[in-house]
Structures are given as structure tokens and as C-alpha cells.
Amino acid sequence: MQSMGLWVLIIGVCITSPAWAGEITTTRTGNNGKTSTSNTTVTRDGNTVTRSTTTTYGDGTTSSSTGVRTYNQDGTFSGQVTHTNRKGEVNTGTVSGTRTRDGNTVTKTGTMTGTDGKQVNFNNQRSCSAHQCQGSRTHTNAQGRQRSVTVTGNRNGNTVSGNVSVTRRNGTTGGGTFTRTRNP
């Protein structure tokens, strides 16, 4: 599944609060039947959040990422992400943006910059109310091409289960289901 690795970041960003720390297990099944399981550890040290994830795919390959973000009182944040894909290739980048909250809705907007200097703008939004959670994430590259993801789910205690829909930059679509459990 092409988008499976990205789901790890998307589901986490769409649903996880930066104030929370602990462990998260996420399982995904794509529309094509392929599966993956991610184990994530989130730690906080003051206003700095570190998120480390290892994902194991159905064919036994793995990928990993570590992101460190610092959240400021004025709502801005910045940080760095290092991602190792299933082929062992390492990519690093920086991220900066703004985080706002309006009731149950959290919005993050900003820019990710790769080591090659290429930039992608993002707009993420998530909310949970009465056990119903939803999130969206849109990435727009320098050519104006977008990749968008929508997540919907039901929360039962520390577990959220639901659906993911992806529209890729080339216009093709995909998706699947997920179950995400956080362990405080």
C-alpha cells in the first residue's frame, strides 16, 4: 500500500494532542487488504514533545521516524523529523507553523522543509466531541499539487477506530481502516 507509511504520521497528527505523553499502538488495513502496525512513544519535557514511531508492514519490512517539536506560548511551533523508509533510506526535515484551538477543534498550519530545500505547506485539523473524532490533513507542494487525507473514527476509552480516505497528488484515491490505542 503506497500510502501506508504516511498513515502513521497522519493518524498521529490528526488525533494526538501535544499535551499528551505515553505509548500508542496503531493497526491499519488498506482497501487492498495490506496491513501495518505502528508502535509510538510520545514524551514531553516542558514545551518540547518527542514522538518516535516504528512501523512493521505485512511483508515484515519496517520504517521508523522520530520527530521533536517545541511549542511556544504564542501558538507557534518548530522542530525536526528524521524518517527511515523501508529501504533504509534516511530523510530529515524541519517543520514550523502555528497551532490554534477553538473549542474541540485544533488546527495546525505551517511548512515542512526537506534537506534538499523543497517545501510543502500543510493544513491539519482535528476534533473530538461526544466520542466522534475526525481529522484532515492537506499537503501542498511548490507546484500546487495537493495530497489530502481525511480520518473519521469513534472513541471508546483510550481506543479510536475508524476510516481513512486518501487523495494522492496524481488524483488517485485510497484508504482503509485503523484502530489506535493509547496507553497512558
C-alpha atoms as a PDB file:
ATOM      1  CA  MET A   1       0.000   0.000   0.000  1.00  0.00           C
ATOM      2  CA  GLN A   2       1.614   3.221  -1.169  1.00  0.00           C
ATOM      3  CA  SER A   3       0.165   5.471   1.478  1.00  0.00           C
ATOM      4  CA  MET A   4       0.574   3.125   4.473  1.00  0.00           C
ATOM      5  CA  GLY A   5       3.789   4.779   5.727  1.00  0.00           C
ATOM      6  CA  LEU A   6       2.236   8.205   5.572  1.00  0.00           C
ATOM      7  CA  TRP A   7      -0.808   6.987   7.555  1.00  0.00           C
ATOM      8  CA  VAL A   8       1.456   6.631  10.582  1.00  0.00           C
ATOM      9  CA  LEU A   9       2.149  10.355  10.600  1.00  0.00           C
ATOM     10  CA  ILE A  10      -1.310  11.394   9.500  1.00  0.00           C
ATOM     11  CA  ILE A  11      -3.337   9.457  12.067  1.00  0.00           C
ATOM     12  CA  GLY A  12      -0.999  10.624  14.811  1.00  0.00           C
ATOM     13  CA  VAL A  13      -1.121  14.244  13.778  1.00  0.00           C
ATOM     14  CA  CYS A  14      -4.869  14.236  13.203  1.00  0.00           C
ATOM     15  CA  ILE A  15      -5.764  12.729  16.566  1.00  0.00           C
ATOM     16  CA  THR A  16      -2.909  13.170  19.097  1.00  0.00           C
ATOM     17  CA  SER A  17      -2.672  16.210  21.353  1.00  0.00           C
ATOM     18  CA  PRO A  18       0.802  17.659  22.039  1.00  0.00           C
ATOM     19  CA  ALA A  19      -0.068  17.769  25.751  1.00  0.00           C
ATOM     20  CA  TRP A  20      -0.392  14.001  25.992  1.00  0.00           C
ATOM     21  CA  ALA A  21       2.540  11.627  26.673  1.00  0.00           C
ATOM     22  CA  GLY A  22       2.589   7.805  26.625  1.00  0.00           C
ATOM     23  CA  GLU A  23       2.556   4.899  24.189  1.00  0.00           C
ATOM     24  CA  ILE A  24       0.332   4.370  21.152  1.00  0.00           C
ATOM     25  CA  THR A  25      -0.338   1.257  19.068  1.00  0.00           C
ATOM     26  CA  THR A  26      -1.995   1.705  15.674  1.00  0.00           C
ATOM     27  CA  THR A  27      -3.061  -1.046  13.277  1.00  0.00           C
ATOM     28  CA  ARG A  28      -4.163  -0.283   9.721  1.00  0.00           C
ATOM     29  CA  THR A  29      -5.763  -2.307   6.946  1.00  0.00           C
ATOM     30  CA  GLY A  30      -5.879  -0.819   3.480  1.00  0.00           C
ATOM     31  CA  ASN A  31      -8.678  -1.256   0.994  1.00  0.00           C
ATOM     32  CA  ASN A  32      -6.338  -3.737  -0.720  1.00  0.00           C
ATOM     33  CA  GLY A  33      -6.092  -5.885   2.449  1.00  0.00           C
ATOM     34  CA  LYS A  34      -2.474  -4.971   3.272  1.00  0.00           C
ATOM     35  CA  THR A  35      -1.765  -4.303   6.947  1.00  0.00           C
ATOM     36  CA  SER A  36       0.710  -2.487   9.164  1.00  0.00           C
ATOM     37  CA  THR A  37       1.199  -1.952  12.889  1.00  0.00           C
ATOM     38  CA  SER A  38       2.913   1.062  14.452  1.00  0.00           C
ATOM     39  CA  ASN A  39       4.251   1.474  17.955  1.00  0.00           C
ATOM     40  CA  THR A  40       4.770   5.071  19.039  1.00  0.00           C
ATOM     41  CA  THR A  41       6.264   6.604  22.165  1.00  0.00           C
ATOM     42  CA  VAL A  42       5.433  10.233  22.970  1.00  0.00           C
ATOM     43  CA  THR A  43       7.419  12.080  25.653  1.00  0.00           C
ATOM     44  CA  ARG A  44       7.222  15.639  26.951  1.00  0.00           C
ATOM     45  CA  ASP A  45       9.911  17.778  28.514  1.00  0.00           C
ATOM     46  CA  GLY A  46       8.391  21.157  29.257  1.00  0.00           C
ATOM     47  CA  ASN A  47       7.198  22.551  25.924  1.00  0.00           C
ATOM     48  CA  THR A  48       9.152  20.016  23.832  1.00  0.00           C
ATOM     49  CA  VAL A  49       7.406  16.894  22.506  1.00  0.00           C
ATOM     50  CA  THR A  50       9.337  13.913  21.100  1.00  0.00           C
ATOM     51  CA  ARG A  51       7.478  11.315  19.067  1.00  0.00           C
ATOM     52  CA  SER A  52       9.235   8.083  17.978  1.00  0.00           C
ATOM     53  CA  THR A  53       7.422   5.554  15.778  1.00  0.00           C
ATOM     54  CA  THR A  54       8.370   2.165  14.349  1.00  0.00           C
ATOM     55  CA  THR A  55       6.027   0.597  11.785  1.00  0.00           C
ATOM     56  CA  THR A  56       6.031  -3.059  10.760  1.00  0.00           C
ATOM     57  CA  TYR A  57       4.318  -3.905   7.473  1.00  0.00           C
ATOM     58  CA  GLY A  58       2.622  -7.163   6.480  1.00  0.00           C
ATOM     59  CA  ASP A  59       5.670  -8.248   4.453  1.00  0.00           C
ATOM     60  CA  GLY A  60       7.951  -7.872   7.506  1.00  0.00           C
ATOM     61  CA  THR A  61       9.669  -4.653   6.407  1.00  0.00           C
ATOM     62  CA  THR A  62       9.874  -1.712   8.803  1.00  0.00           C
ATOM     63  CA  SER A  63      10.107   2.070   8.750  1.00  0.00           C
ATOM     64  CA  SER A  64      10.752   4.499  11.574  1.00  0.00           C
ATOM     65  CA  SER A  65      10.531   8.188  12.367  1.00  0.00           C
ATOM     66  CA  THR A  66      11.487  10.489  15.200  1.00  0.00           C
ATOM     67  CA  GLY A  67      10.123  13.998  15.480  1.00  0.00           C
ATOM     68  CA  VAL A  68      10.947  16.662  18.018  1.00  0.00           C
ATOM     69  CA  ARG A  69       8.755  19.772  18.230  1.00  0.00           C
ATOM     70  CA  THR A  70       8.913  22.748  20.538  1.00  0.00           C
ATOM     71  CA  TYR A  71       5.594  24.501  21.222  1.00  0.00           C
ATOM     72  CA  ASN A  72       5.715  28.167  22.227  1.00  0.00           C
ATOM     73  CA  GLN A  73       3.186  30.128  24.314  1.00  0.00           C
ATOM     74  CA  ASP A  74       2.270  32.285  21.311  1.00  0.00           C
ATOM     75  CA  GLY A  75       0.946  29.197  19.468  1.00  0.00           C
ATOM     76  CA  THR A  76       3.944  28.728  17.168  1.00  0.00           C
ATOM     77  CA  PHE A  77       5.997  25.544  16.944  1.00  0.00           C
ATOM     78  CA  SER A  78       9.147  24.322  15.235  1.00  0.00           C
ATOM     79  CA  GLY A  79      11.089  21.099  15.059  1.00  0.00           C
ATOM     80  CA  GLN A  80      12.853  18.400  13.131  1.00  0.00           C
ATOM     81  CA  VAL A  81      11.808  14.992  11.786  1.00  0.00           C
ATOM     82  CA  THR A  82      14.038  12.081  10.760  1.00  0.00           C
ATOM     83  CA  HIS A  83      12.389   9.271   8.766  1.00  0.00           C
ATOM     84  CA  THR A  84      13.920   5.961   7.682  1.00  0.00           C
ATOM     85  CA  ASN A  85      11.897   4.246   4.958  1.00  0.00           C
ATOM     86  CA  ARG A  86      11.542   0.524   4.285  1.00  0.00           C
ATOM     87  CA  LYS A  87      14.620   0.587   2.022  1.00  0.00           C
ATOM     88  CA  GLY A  88      16.758   2.046   4.817  1.00  0.00           C
ATOM     89  CA  GLU A  89      16.951   5.496   3.225  1.00  0.00           C
ATOM     90  CA  VAL A  90      17.089   8.321   5.767  1.00  0.00           C
ATOM     91  CA  ASN A  91      15.404  11.670   5.196  1.00  0.00           C
ATOM     92  CA  THR A  92      15.417  14.623   7.567  1.00  0.00           C
ATOM     93  CA  GLY A  93      13.493  17.839   7.533  1.00  0.00           C
ATOM     94  CA  THR A  94      12.333  20.769   9.578  1.00  0.00           C
ATOM     95  CA  VAL A  95       8.833  21.911  10.394  1.00  0.00           C
ATOM     96  CA  SER A  96       7.457  25.228  11.601  1.00  0.00           C
ATOM     97  CA  GLY A  97       3.965  26.557  11.995  1.00  0.00           C
ATOM     98  CA  THR A  98       1.110  27.692  14.182  1.00  0.00           C
ATOM     99  CA  ARG A  99      -1.250  25.711  16.413  1.00  0.00           C
ATOM    100  CA  THR A 100      -4.650  27.095  17.421  1.00  0.00           C
ATOM    101  CA  ARG A 101      -7.588  25.702  19.391  1.00  0.00           C
ATOM    102  CA  ASP A 102     -11.226  26.698  19.036  1.00  0.00           C
ATOM    103  CA  GLY A 103     -13.388  24.611  21.364  1.00  0.00           C
ATOM    104  CA  ASN A 104     -12.823  20.936  20.459  1.00  0.00           C
ATOM    105  CA  THR A 105     -11.026  21.767  17.194  1.00  0.00           C
ATOM    106  CA  VAL A 106      -7.237  22.026  16.888  1.00  0.00           C
ATOM    107  CA  THR A 107      -5.704  23.430  13.698  1.00  0.00           C
ATOM    108  CA  LYS A 108      -2.035  23.321  12.691  1.00  0.00           C
ATOM    109  CA  THR A 109      -0.730  25.181   9.648  1.00  0.00           C
ATOM    110  CA  GLY A 110       2.842  25.562   8.525  1.00  0.00           C
ATOM    111  CA  THR A 111       5.697  24.479   6.302  1.00  0.00           C
ATOM    112  CA  MET A 112       7.884  21.369   6.132  1.00  0.00           C
ATOM    113  CA  THR A 113      11.310  21.768   4.517  1.00  0.00           C
ATOM    114  CA  GLY A 114      13.425  18.817   3.353  1.00  0.00           C
ATOM    115  CA  THR A 115      17.202  18.626   3.332  1.00  0.00           C
ATOM    116  CA  ASP A 116      17.007  19.360  -0.410  1.00  0.00           C
ATOM    117  CA  GLY A 117      15.317  22.706   0.377  1.00  0.00           C
ATOM    118  CA  LYS A 118      11.974  21.671  -1.109  1.00  0.00           C
ATOM    119  CA  GLN A 119       8.987  22.894   0.885  1.00  0.00           C
ATOM    120  CA  VAL A 120       5.496  21.574   1.459  1.00  0.00           C
ATOM    121  CA  ASN A 121       2.769  23.624   3.133  1.00  0.00           C
ATOM    122  CA  PHE A 122       0.362  21.798   5.423  1.00  0.00           C
ATOM    123  CA  ASN A 123      -3.021  22.411   6.991  1.00  0.00           C
ATOM    124  CA  ASN A 124      -4.102  19.904   9.657  1.00  0.00           C
ATOM    125  CA  GLN A 125      -7.319  19.926  11.646  1.00  0.00           C
ATOM    126  CA  ARG A 126      -8.687  17.522  14.254  1.00  0.00           C
ATOM    127  CA  SER A 127     -11.590  17.420  16.662  1.00  0.00           C
ATOM    128  CA  CYS A 128     -13.320  15.013  19.020  1.00  0.00           C
ATOM    129  CA  SER A 129     -16.745  15.536  20.529  1.00  0.00           C
ATOM    130  CA  ALA A 130     -19.176  13.041  22.084  1.00  0.00           C
ATOM    131  CA  HIS A 131     -16.826  10.142  21.195  1.00  0.00           C
ATOM    132  CA  GLN A 132     -16.780  11.114  17.495  1.00  0.00           C
ATOM    133  CA  CYS A 133     -13.345  12.082  16.135  1.00  0.00           C
ATOM    134  CA  GLN A 134     -12.371  13.482  12.782  1.00  0.00           C
ATOM    135  CA  GLY A 135      -9.292  14.944  11.227  1.00  0.00           C
ATOM    136  CA  SER A 136      -7.980  16.181   7.922  1.00  0.00           C
ATOM    137  CA  ARG A 137      -4.564  16.939   6.534  1.00  0.00           C
ATOM    138  CA  THR A 138      -3.664  18.649   3.283  1.00  0.00           C
ATOM    139  CA  HIS A 139      -0.122  18.953   1.902  1.00  0.00           C
ATOM    140  CA  THR A 140       0.530  21.345  -0.979  1.00  0.00           C
ATOM    141  CA  ASN A 141       3.877  21.273  -2.802  1.00  0.00           C
ATOM    142  CA  ALA A 142       5.598  24.132  -4.647  1.00  0.00           C
ATOM    143  CA  GLN A 143       3.795  23.182  -7.892  1.00  0.00           C
ATOM    144  CA  GLY A 144       0.409  23.497  -6.161  1.00  0.00           C
ATOM    145  CA  ARG A 145      -0.297  19.745  -6.231  1.00  0.00           C
ATOM    146  CA  GLN A 146      -2.116  18.506  -3.145  1.00  0.00           C
ATOM    147  CA  ARG A 147      -2.316  15.304  -1.140  1.00  0.00           C
ATOM    148  CA  SER A 148      -5.239  15.180   1.261  1.00  0.00           C
ATOM    149  CA  VAL A 149      -6.277  12.732   3.944  1.00  0.00           C
ATOM    150  CA  THR A 150      -9.497  12.523   5.954  1.00  0.00           C
ATOM    151  CA  VAL A 151      -9.807  10.459   9.141  1.00  0.00           C
ATOM    152  CA  THR A 152     -13.091   9.661  10.923  1.00  0.00           C
ATOM    153  CA  GLY A 153     -13.490   7.491  13.971  1.00  0.00           C
ATOM    154  CA  ASN A 154     -15.294   6.595  17.177  1.00  0.00           C
ATOM    155  CA  ARG A 155     -13.556   6.881  20.549  1.00  0.00           C
ATOM    156  CA  ASN A 156     -14.182   4.244  23.210  1.00  0.00           C
ATOM    157  CA  GLY A 157     -11.976   4.920  26.229  1.00  0.00           C
ATOM    158  CA  ASN A 158      -8.368   5.052  25.016  1.00  0.00           C
ATOM    159  CA  THR A 159      -9.180   3.496  21.617  1.00  0.00           C
ATOM    160  CA  VAL A 160     -10.229   5.226  18.396  1.00  0.00           C
ATOM    161  CA  SER A 161     -11.343   3.075  15.423  1.00  0.00           C
ATOM    162  CA  GLY A 162     -12.403   4.343  12.053  1.00  0.00           C
ATOM    163  CA  ASN A 163     -11.714   5.032   8.403  1.00  0.00           C
ATOM    164  CA  VAL A 164      -9.042   6.846   6.398  1.00  0.00           C
ATOM    165  CA  SER A 165      -9.532   8.285   2.894  1.00  0.00           C
ATOM    166  CA  VAL A 166      -6.536   9.476   0.835  1.00  0.00           C
ATOM    167  CA  THR A 167      -6.460  11.552  -2.346  1.00  0.00           C
ATOM    168  CA  ARG A 168      -2.945  11.500  -3.796  1.00  0.00           C
ATOM    169  CA  ARG A 169      -1.247  14.273  -5.784  1.00  0.00           C
ATOM    170  CA  ASN A 170      -1.962  12.415  -9.034  1.00  0.00           C
ATOM    171  CA  GLY A 171      -5.688  12.311  -8.220  1.00  0.00           C
ATOM    172  CA  THR A 172      -5.886   8.600  -7.366  1.00  0.00           C
ATOM    173  CA  THR A 173      -7.621   7.631  -4.136  1.00  0.00           C
ATOM    174  CA  GLY A 174      -7.141   5.018  -1.461  1.00  0.00           C
ATOM    175  CA  GLY A 175      -7.910   4.365   2.139  1.00  0.00           C
ATOM    176  CA  GLY A 176      -8.789   1.769   4.695  1.00  0.00           C
ATOM    177  CA  THR A 177      -9.494   1.293   8.370  1.00  0.00           C
ATOM    178  CA  PHE A 178      -7.496   1.843  11.566  1.00  0.00           C
ATOM    179  CA  THR A 179      -7.574   1.120  15.275  1.00  0.00           C
ATOM    180  CA  ARG A 180      -5.446   3.300  17.546  1.00  0.00           C
ATOM    181  CA  THR A 181      -4.982   2.659  21.276  1.00  0.00           C
ATOM    182  CA  ARG A 182      -3.042   4.903  23.612  1.00  0.00           C
ATOM    183  CA  ASN A 183      -1.580   3.527  26.813  1.00  0.00           C
ATOM    184  CA  PRO A 184      -1.064   6.221  29.442  1.00  0.00           C
END
